[in-house]
PDB file of all heavy atoms in Angstrom:
ATOM      1  N   ARG A   1      -2.691  -3.763  -6.512  1.00  0.00           N
ATOM      2  CA  ARG A   1      -1.771  -2.622  -6.441  1.00  0.00           C
ATOM      3  C   ARG A   1      -2.471  -1.326  -6.019  1.00  0.00           C
ATOM      4  O   ARG A   1      -1.965  -0.589  -5.198  1.00  0.00           O
ATOM      5  CB  ARG A   1      -1.083  -2.465  -7.804  1.00  0.00           C
ATOM      6  CG  ARG A   1      -0.094  -1.364  -7.905  1.00  0.00           C
ATOM      7  CD  ARG A   1       1.241  -1.779  -7.380  1.00  0.00           C
ATOM      8  NE  ARG A   1       2.188  -0.691  -7.567  1.00  0.00           N
ATOM      9  CZ  ARG A   1       3.453  -0.839  -7.592  1.00  0.00           C
ATOM     10  NH1 ARG A   1       3.968  -2.026  -7.474  1.00  0.00           N
ATOM     11  NH2 ARG A   1       4.247   0.178  -7.738  1.00  0.00           N
ATOM     12  N   ARG A   2      -3.659  -1.051  -6.535  1.00  0.00           N
ATOM     13  CA  ARG A   2      -4.305   0.222  -6.206  1.00  0.00           C
ATOM     14  C   ARG A   2      -4.848   0.270  -4.786  1.00  0.00           C
ATOM     15  O   ARG A   2      -5.166   1.335  -4.287  1.00  0.00           O
ATOM     16  CB  ARG A   2      -5.383   0.561  -7.221  1.00  0.00           C
ATOM     17  CG  ARG A   2      -6.553  -0.353  -7.222  1.00  0.00           C
ATOM     18  CD  ARG A   2      -7.465   0.006  -8.364  1.00  0.00           C
ATOM     19  NE  ARG A   2      -8.712  -0.696  -8.210  1.00  0.00           N
ATOM     20  CZ  ARG A   2      -9.867  -0.229  -8.559  1.00  0.00           C
ATOM     21  NH1 ARG A   2      -9.933   0.959  -9.103  1.00  0.00           N
ATOM     22  NH2 ARG A   2     -10.943  -0.921  -8.389  1.00  0.00           N
ATOM     23  N   PHE A   3      -4.949  -0.883  -4.105  1.00  0.00           N
ATOM     24  CA  PHE A   3      -5.389  -0.925  -2.717  1.00  0.00           C
ATOM     25  C   PHE A   3      -4.229  -1.133  -1.752  1.00  0.00           C
ATOM     26  O   PHE A   3      -4.438  -1.270  -0.553  1.00  0.00           O
ATOM     27  CB  PHE A   3      -6.421  -2.042  -2.506  1.00  0.00           C
ATOM     28  CG  PHE A   3      -7.692  -1.821  -3.261  1.00  0.00           C
ATOM     29  CD1 PHE A   3      -8.037  -2.665  -4.304  1.00  0.00           C
ATOM     30  CD2 PHE A   3      -8.528  -0.768  -2.956  1.00  0.00           C
ATOM     31  CE1 PHE A   3      -9.214  -2.471  -5.013  1.00  0.00           C
ATOM     32  CE2 PHE A   3      -9.699  -0.555  -3.662  1.00  0.00           C
ATOM     33  CZ  PHE A   3     -10.042  -1.406  -4.697  1.00  0.00           C
ATOM     34  N   ALA A   4      -3.026  -1.175  -2.272  1.00  0.00           N
ATOM     35  CA  ALA A   4      -1.850  -1.465  -1.458  1.00  0.00           C
ATOM     36  C   ALA A   4      -1.183  -0.188  -0.956  1.00  0.00           C
ATOM     37  O   ALA A   4      -1.144   0.814  -1.659  1.00  0.00           O
ATOM     38  CB  ALA A   4      -0.840  -2.266  -2.275  1.00  0.00           C
ATOM     39  N   PRO A   5      -0.659  -0.244   0.258  1.00  0.00           N
ATOM     40  CA  PRO A   5       0.156   0.876   0.718  1.00  0.00           C
ATOM     41  C   PRO A   5       1.463   0.888  -0.074  1.00  0.00           C
ATOM     42  O   PRO A   5       1.839  -0.115  -0.678  1.00  0.00           O
ATOM     43  CB  PRO A   5       0.414   0.552   2.188  1.00  0.00           C
ATOM     44  CG  PRO A   5       0.285  -0.930   2.265  1.00  0.00           C
ATOM     45  CD  PRO A   5      -0.726  -1.321   1.232  1.00  0.00           C
ATOM     46  N   LEU A   6       2.111   2.009  -0.072  1.00  0.00           N
ATOM     47  CA  LEU A   6       3.398   2.142  -0.760  1.00  0.00           C
ATOM     48  C   LEU A   6       4.450   2.525   0.260  1.00  0.00           C
ATOM     49  O   LEU A   6       4.245   3.465   1.035  1.00  0.00           O
ATOM     50  CB  LEU A   6       3.315   3.229  -1.835  1.00  0.00           C
ATOM     51  CG  LEU A   6       4.647   3.621  -2.482  1.00  0.00           C
ATOM     52  CD1 LEU A   6       5.113   2.528  -3.429  1.00  0.00           C
ATOM     53  CD2 LEU A   6       4.515   4.935  -3.214  1.00  0.00           C
ATOM     54  N   VAL A   7       5.534   1.785   0.282  1.00  0.00           N
ATOM     55  CA  VAL A   7       6.681   2.123   1.120  1.00  0.00           C
ATOM     56  C   VAL A   7       7.861   2.268   0.170  1.00  0.00           C
ATOM     57  O   VAL A   7       8.248   1.321  -0.501  1.00  0.00           O
ATOM     58  CB  VAL A   7       6.967   1.033   2.176  1.00  0.00           C
ATOM     59  CG1 VAL A   7       8.160   1.424   3.024  1.00  0.00           C
ATOM     60  CG2 VAL A   7       5.735   0.796   3.038  1.00  0.00           C
ATOM     61  N   ASP A   8       8.387   3.461   0.098  1.00  0.00           N
ATOM     62  CA  ASP A   8       9.462   3.780  -0.837  1.00  0.00           C
ATOM     63  C   ASP A   8      10.649   4.288  -0.033  1.00  0.00           C
ATOM     64  O   ASP A   8      10.477   5.137   0.845  1.00  0.00           O
ATOM     65  CB  ASP A   8       8.959   4.864  -1.801  1.00  0.00           C
ATOM     66  CG  ASP A   8       9.970   5.222  -2.861  1.00  0.00           C
ATOM     67  OD1 ASP A   8      10.587   4.306  -3.415  1.00  0.00           O
ATOM     68  OD2 ASP A   8      10.137   6.427  -3.123  1.00  0.00           O
ATOM     69  N   GLY A   9      11.832   3.770  -0.305  1.00  0.00           N
ATOM     70  CA  GLY A   9      12.995   4.218   0.453  1.00  0.00           C
ATOM     71  C   GLY A   9      14.260   4.193  -0.368  1.00  0.00           C
ATOM     72  O   GLY A   9      14.340   3.545  -1.408  1.00  0.00           O
ATOM     73  N   ARG A  10      15.236   4.949   0.138  1.00  0.00           N
ATOM     74  CA  ARG A  10      16.561   4.925  -0.480  1.00  0.00           C
ATOM     75  C   ARG A  10      17.586   5.363   0.546  1.00  0.00           C
ATOM     76  O   ARG A  10      17.266   6.075   1.494  1.00  0.00           O
ATOM     77  CB  ARG A  10      16.612   5.796  -1.715  1.00  0.00           C
ATOM     78  CG  ARG A  10      16.585   7.268  -1.450  1.00  0.00           C
ATOM     79  CD  ARG A  10      16.758   8.074  -2.743  1.00  0.00           C
ATOM     80  NE  ARG A  10      16.925   9.459  -2.440  1.00  0.00           N
ATOM     81  CZ  ARG A  10      15.950  10.331  -2.306  1.00  0.00           C
ATOM     82  NH1 ARG A  10      14.713   9.951  -2.458  1.00  0.00           N
ATOM     83  NH2 ARG A  10      16.204  11.587  -2.021  1.00  0.00           N
ATOM     84  N   VAL A  11      18.801   4.903   0.346  1.00  0.00           N
ATOM     85  CA  VAL A  11      19.936   5.354   1.145  1.00  0.00           C
ATOM     86  C   VAL A  11      21.020   5.815   0.186  1.00  0.00           C
ATOM     87  O   VAL A  11      21.291   5.163  -0.820  1.00  0.00           O
ATOM     88  CB  VAL A  11      20.457   4.258   2.106  1.00  0.00           C
ATOM     89  CG1 VAL A  11      19.429   3.926   3.164  1.00  0.00           C
ATOM     90  CG2 VAL A  11      20.850   3.003   1.375  1.00  0.00           C
ATOM     91  N   ASP A  12      21.579   6.978   0.477  1.00  0.00           N
ATOM     92  CA  ASP A  12      22.676   7.544  -0.306  1.00  0.00           C
ATOM     93  C   ASP A  12      23.916   7.532   0.576  1.00  0.00           C
ATOM     94  O   ASP A  12      23.987   8.287   1.550  1.00  0.00           O
ATOM     95  CB  ASP A  12      22.348   8.986  -0.728  1.00  0.00           C
ATOM     96  CG  ASP A  12      21.195   9.048  -1.699  1.00  0.00           C
ATOM     97  OD1 ASP A  12      21.360   8.538  -2.814  1.00  0.00           O
ATOM     98  OD2 ASP A  12      20.132   9.596  -1.329  1.00  0.00           O
ATOM     99  N   ALA A  13      24.862   6.667   0.243  1.00  0.00           N
ATOM    100  CA  ALA A  13      26.030   6.462   1.087  1.00  0.00           C
ATOM    101  C   ALA A  13      27.151   7.434   0.759  1.00  0.00           C
ATOM    102  O   ALA A  13      27.314   7.873  -0.380  1.00  0.00           O
ATOM    103  CB  ALA A  13      26.533   5.032   0.928  1.00  0.00           C
ATOM    104  N   SER A  14      27.914   7.744   1.803  1.00  0.00           N
ATOM    105  CA  SER A  14      29.194   8.430   1.630  1.00  0.00           C
ATOM    106  C   SER A  14      30.168   7.754   2.587  1.00  0.00           C
ATOM    107  O   SER A  14      29.851   6.710   3.142  1.00  0.00           O
ATOM    108  CB  SER A  14      29.055   9.936   1.895  1.00  0.00           C
ATOM    109  OG  SER A  14      28.830  10.175   3.257  1.00  0.00           O
ATOM    110  N   ASP A  15      31.327   8.333   2.809  1.00  0.00           N
ATOM    111  CA  ASP A  15      32.379   7.646   3.565  1.00  0.00           C
ATOM    112  C   ASP A  15      31.951   7.151   4.949  1.00  0.00           C
ATOM    113  O   ASP A  15      32.175   6.014   5.290  1.00  0.00           O
ATOM    114  CB  ASP A  15      33.609   8.543   3.708  1.00  0.00           C
ATOM    115  CG  ASP A  15      34.303   8.748   2.381  1.00  0.00           C
ATOM    116  OD1 ASP A  15      34.090   7.934   1.463  1.00  0.00           O
ATOM    117  OD2 ASP A  15      35.050   9.734   2.254  1.00  0.00           O
ATOM    118  N   GLY A  16      31.310   8.008   5.745  1.00  0.00           N
ATOM    119  CA  GLY A  16      31.055   7.640   7.129  1.00  0.00           C
ATOM    120  C   GLY A  16      29.669   7.132   7.438  1.00  0.00           C
ATOM    121  O   GLY A  16      29.386   6.733   8.556  1.00  0.00           O
ATOM    122  N   GLY A  17      28.749   7.153   6.492  1.00  0.00           N
ATOM    123  CA  GLY A  17      27.384   6.726   6.770  1.00  0.00           C
ATOM    124  C   GLY A  17      26.508   6.894   5.559  1.00  0.00           C
ATOM    125  O   GLY A  17      26.985   6.807   4.428  1.00  0.00           O
ATOM    126  N   TRP A  18      25.229   7.173   5.796  1.00  0.00           N
ATOM    127  CA  TRP A  18      24.313   7.318   4.679  1.00  0.00           C
ATOM    128  C   TRP A  18      23.151   8.234   5.050  1.00  0.00           C
ATOM    129  O   TRP A  18      22.738   8.324   6.188  1.00  0.00           O
ATOM    130  CB  TRP A  18      23.792   5.965   4.202  1.00  0.00           C
ATOM    131  CG  TRP A  18      23.173   5.121   5.273  1.00  0.00           C
ATOM    132  CD1 TRP A  18      21.865   5.139   5.686  1.00  0.00           C
ATOM    133  CD2 TRP A  18      23.819   4.146   6.084  1.00  0.00           C
ATOM    134  NE1 TRP A  18      21.657   4.233   6.688  1.00  0.00           N
ATOM    135  CE2 TRP A  18      22.856   3.605   6.958  1.00  0.00           C
ATOM    136  CE3 TRP A  18      25.128   3.659   6.161  1.00  0.00           C
ATOM    137  CZ2 TRP A  18      23.145   2.619   7.898  1.00  0.00           C
ATOM    138  CZ3 TRP A  18      25.418   2.687   7.092  1.00  0.00           C
ATOM    139  CH2 TRP A  18      24.436   2.163   7.942  1.00  0.00           C
ATOM    140  N   ARG A  19      22.650   8.901   4.028  1.00  0.00           N
ATOM    141  CA  ARG A  19      21.437   9.706   4.149  1.00  0.00           C
ATOM    142  C   ARG A  19      20.294   8.796   3.725  1.00  0.00           C
ATOM    143  O   ARG A  19      20.335   8.202   2.665  1.00  0.00           O
ATOM    144  CB  ARG A  19      21.510  10.935   3.244  1.00  0.00           C
ATOM    145  CG  ARG A  19      20.209  11.738   3.243  1.00  0.00           C
ATOM    146  CD  ARG A  19      20.416  13.173   2.838  1.00  0.00           C
ATOM    147  NE  ARG A  19      21.240  13.940   3.757  1.00  0.00           N
ATOM    148  CZ  ARG A  19      20.854  14.358   4.973  1.00  0.00           C
ATOM    149  NH1 ARG A  19      19.662  14.078   5.410  1.00  0.00           N
ATOM    150  NH2 ARG A  19      21.672  15.053   5.738  1.00  0.00           N
ATOM    151  N   LEU A  20      19.299   8.671   4.598  1.00  0.00           N
ATOM    152  CA  LEU A  20      18.174   7.822   4.254  1.00  0.00           C
ATOM    153  C   LEU A  20      16.932   8.667   4.034  1.00  0.00           C
ATOM    154  O   LEU A  20      16.796   9.758   4.582  1.00  0.00           O
ATOM    155  CB  LEU A  20      17.932   6.752   5.313  1.00  0.00           C
ATOM    156  CG  LEU A  20      17.359   7.150   6.656  1.00  0.00           C
ATOM    157  CD1 LEU A  20      15.847   7.150   6.620  1.00  0.00           C
ATOM    158  CD2 LEU A  20      17.823   6.160   7.698  1.00  0.00           C
ATOM    159  N   SER A  21      16.055   8.149   3.212  1.00  0.00           N
ATOM    160  CA  SER A  21      14.787   8.803   2.913  1.00  0.00           C
ATOM    161  C   SER A  21      13.740   7.715   2.758  1.00  0.00           C
ATOM    162  O   SER A  21      13.923   6.786   1.974  1.00  0.00           O
ATOM    163  CB  SER A  21      14.909   9.612   1.616  1.00  0.00           C
ATOM    164  OG  SER A  21      13.669  10.166   1.269  1.00  0.00           O
ATOM    165  N   VAL A  22      12.652   7.826   3.537  1.00  0.00           N
ATOM    166  CA  VAL A  22      11.575   6.842   3.500  1.00  0.00           C
ATOM    167  C   VAL A  22      10.247   7.588   3.391  1.00  0.00           C
ATOM    168  O   VAL A  22      10.042   8.607   4.047  1.00  0.00           O
ATOM    169  CB  VAL A  22      11.567   5.950   4.765  1.00  0.00           C
ATOM    170  CG1 VAL A  22      10.373   5.008   4.769  1.00  0.00           C
ATOM    171  CG2 VAL A  22      12.864   5.174   4.883  1.00  0.00           C
ATOM    172  N   ARG A  23       9.360   7.059   2.554  1.00  0.00           N
ATOM    173  CA  ARG A  23       8.029   7.645   2.354  1.00  0.00           C
ATOM    174  C   ARG A  23       7.009   6.520   2.428  1.00  0.00           C
ATOM    175  O   ARG A  23       7.188   5.464   1.819  1.00  0.00           O
ATOM    176  CB  ARG A  23       7.979   8.323   0.990  1.00  0.00           C
ATOM    177  CG  ARG A  23       6.668   8.961   0.629  1.00  0.00           C
ATOM    178  CD  ARG A  23       6.799   9.730  -0.692  1.00  0.00           C
ATOM    179  NE  ARG A  23       7.468   8.971  -1.723  1.00  0.00           N
ATOM    180  CZ  ARG A  23       6.839   8.339  -2.712  1.00  0.00           C
ATOM    181  NH1 ARG A  23       5.542   8.377  -2.807  1.00  0.00           N
ATOM    182  NH2 ARG A  23       7.526   7.663  -3.614  1.00  0.00           N
ATOM    183  N   VAL A  24       5.929   6.755   3.194  1.00  0.00           N
ATOM    184  CA  VAL A  24       4.855   5.770   3.322  1.00  0.00           C
ATOM    185  C   VAL A  24       3.561   6.430   2.842  1.00  0.00           C
ATOM    186  O   VAL A  24       3.203   7.515   3.313  1.00  0.00           O
ATOM    187  CB  VAL A  24       4.694   5.297   4.786  1.00  0.00           C
ATOM    188  CG1 VAL A  24       3.550   4.289   4.903  1.00  0.00           C
ATOM    189  CG2 VAL A  24       5.993   4.699   5.307  1.00  0.00           C
ATOM    190  N   GLU A  25       2.879   5.762   1.909  1.00  0.00           N
ATOM    191  CA  GLU A  25       1.610   6.257   1.377  1.00  0.00           C
ATOM    192  C   GLU A  25       0.522   5.219   1.598  1.00  0.00           C
ATOM    193  O   GLU A  25       0.798   4.021   1.599  1.00  0.00           O
ATOM    194  CB  GLU A  25       1.713   6.523  -0.127  1.00  0.00           C
ATOM    195  CG  GLU A  25       2.609   7.663  -0.483  1.00  0.00           C
ATOM    196  CD  GLU A  25       2.614   7.963  -1.980  1.00  0.00           C
ATOM    197  OE1 GLU A  25       1.836   7.331  -2.737  1.00  0.00           O
ATOM    198  OE2 GLU A  25       3.400   8.821  -2.387  1.00  0.00           O
ATOM    199  N   ALA A  26      -0.702   5.714   1.766  1.00  0.00           N
ATOM    200  CA  ALA A  26      -1.871   4.836   1.896  1.00  0.00           C
ATOM    201  C   ALA A  26      -2.710   4.963   0.629  1.00  0.00           C
ATOM    202  O   ALA A  26      -2.785   6.046   0.037  1.00  0.00           O
ATOM    203  CB  ALA A  26      -2.698   5.237   3.113  1.00  0.00           C
ATOM    204  N   PRO A  27      -3.353   3.858   0.215  1.00  0.00           N
ATOM    205  CA  PRO A  27      -4.199   3.942  -0.974  1.00  0.00           C
ATOM    206  C   PRO A  27      -5.312   4.977  -0.769  1.00  0.00           C
ATOM    207  O   PRO A  27      -5.878   5.078   0.305  1.00  0.00           O
ATOM    208  CB  PRO A  27      -4.769   2.531  -1.119  1.00  0.00           C
ATOM    209  CG  PRO A  27      -4.503   1.841   0.174  1.00  0.00           C
ATOM    210  CD  PRO A  27      -3.382   2.554   0.844  1.00  0.00           C
ATOM    211  N   PHE A  28      -5.555   5.750  -1.793  1.00  0.00           N
ATOM    212  CA  PHE A  28      -6.601   6.777  -1.842  1.00  0.00           C
ATOM    213  C   PHE A  28      -6.333   7.990  -0.953  1.00  0.00           C
ATOM    214  O   PHE A  28      -6.910   9.040  -1.176  1.00  0.00           O
ATOM    215  CB  PHE A  28      -7.992   6.186  -1.528  1.00  0.00           C
ATOM    216  CG  PHE A  28      -8.315   4.976  -2.336  1.00  0.00           C
ATOM    217  CD1 PHE A  28      -8.356   3.729  -1.754  1.00  0.00           C
ATOM    218  CD2 PHE A  28      -8.543   5.083  -3.700  1.00  0.00           C
ATOM    219  CE1 PHE A  28      -8.638   2.598  -2.508  1.00  0.00           C
ATOM    220  CE2 PHE A  28      -8.822   3.962  -4.469  1.00  0.00           C
ATOM    221  CZ  PHE A  28      -8.876   2.715  -3.871  1.00  0.00           C
ATOM    222  N   LEU A  29      -5.497   7.859   0.071  1.00  0.00           N
ATOM    223  CA  LEU A  29      -5.213   8.976   0.979  1.00  0.00           C
ATOM    224  C   LEU A  29      -3.921   9.699   0.617  1.00  0.00           C
ATOM    225  O   LEU A  29      -3.748  10.859   0.950  1.00  0.00           O
ATOM    226  CB  LEU A  29      -5.111   8.484   2.424  1.00  0.00           C
ATOM    227  CG  LEU A  29      -6.389   7.941   3.048  1.00  0.00           C
ATOM    228  CD1 LEU A  29      -6.103   7.430   4.445  1.00  0.00           C
ATOM    229  CD2 LEU A  29      -7.471   9.002   3.064  1.00  0.00           C
ATOM    230  N   GLY A  30      -3.005   8.977  -0.010  1.00  0.00           N
ATOM    231  CA  GLY A  30      -1.717   9.575  -0.344  1.00  0.00           C
ATOM    232  C   GLY A  30      -0.713   9.434   0.785  1.00  0.00           C
ATOM    233  O   GLY A  30      -0.818   8.544   1.629  1.00  0.00           O
ATOM    234  N   GLU A  31       0.234  10.340   0.812  1.00  0.00           N
ATOM    235  CA  GLU A  31       1.345  10.250   1.767  1.00  0.00           C
ATOM    236  C   GLU A  31       0.858  10.349   3.209  1.00  0.00           C
ATOM    237  O   GLU A  31       0.043  11.206   3.545  1.00  0.00           O
ATOM    238  CB  GLU A  31       2.345  11.369   1.480  1.00  0.00           C
ATOM    239  CG  GLU A  31       3.582  11.274   2.342  1.00  0.00           C
ATOM    240  CD  GLU A  31       4.634  12.283   1.943  1.00  0.00           C
ATOM    241  OE1 GLU A  31       5.201  12.120   0.838  1.00  0.00           O
ATOM    242  OE2 GLU A  31       4.860  13.226   2.714  1.00  0.00           O
ATOM    243  N   LEU A  32       1.382   9.436   4.048  1.00  0.00           N
ATOM    244  CA  LEU A  32       1.116   9.469   5.478  1.00  0.00           C
ATOM    245  C   LEU A  32       2.278  10.105   6.225  1.00  0.00           C
ATOM    246  O   LEU A  32       2.092  10.925   7.110  1.00  0.00           O
ATOM    247  CB  LEU A  32       0.888   8.060   6.027  1.00  0.00           C
ATOM    248  CG  LEU A  32      -0.312   7.293   5.498  1.00  0.00           C
ATOM    249  CD1 LEU A  32      -0.361   5.898   6.104  1.00  0.00           C
ATOM    250  CD2 LEU A  32      -1.593   8.059   5.764  1.00  0.00           C
ATOM    251  N   VAL A  33       3.487   9.665   5.876  1.00  0.00           N
ATOM    252  CA  VAL A  33       4.675  10.162   6.574  1.00  0.00           C
ATOM    253  C   VAL A  33       5.880  10.038   5.654  1.00  0.00           C
ATOM    254  O   VAL A  33       5.923   9.176   4.776  1.00  0.00           O
ATOM    255  CB  VAL A  33       4.907   9.386   7.905  1.00  0.00           C
ATOM    256  CG1 VAL A  33       5.301   7.944   7.640  1.00  0.00           C
ATOM    257  CG2 VAL A  33       5.938  10.065   8.784  1.00  0.00           C
TER     258      VAL A  33
END
């Protein structure tokens, strides 16, 4: 786990679509994008 990248995401839906949020982190470096 401590050497693994992290990909975290969510979608918040409403009537016509959804708001998405994605975060990618690298071990020891933190957030990439």
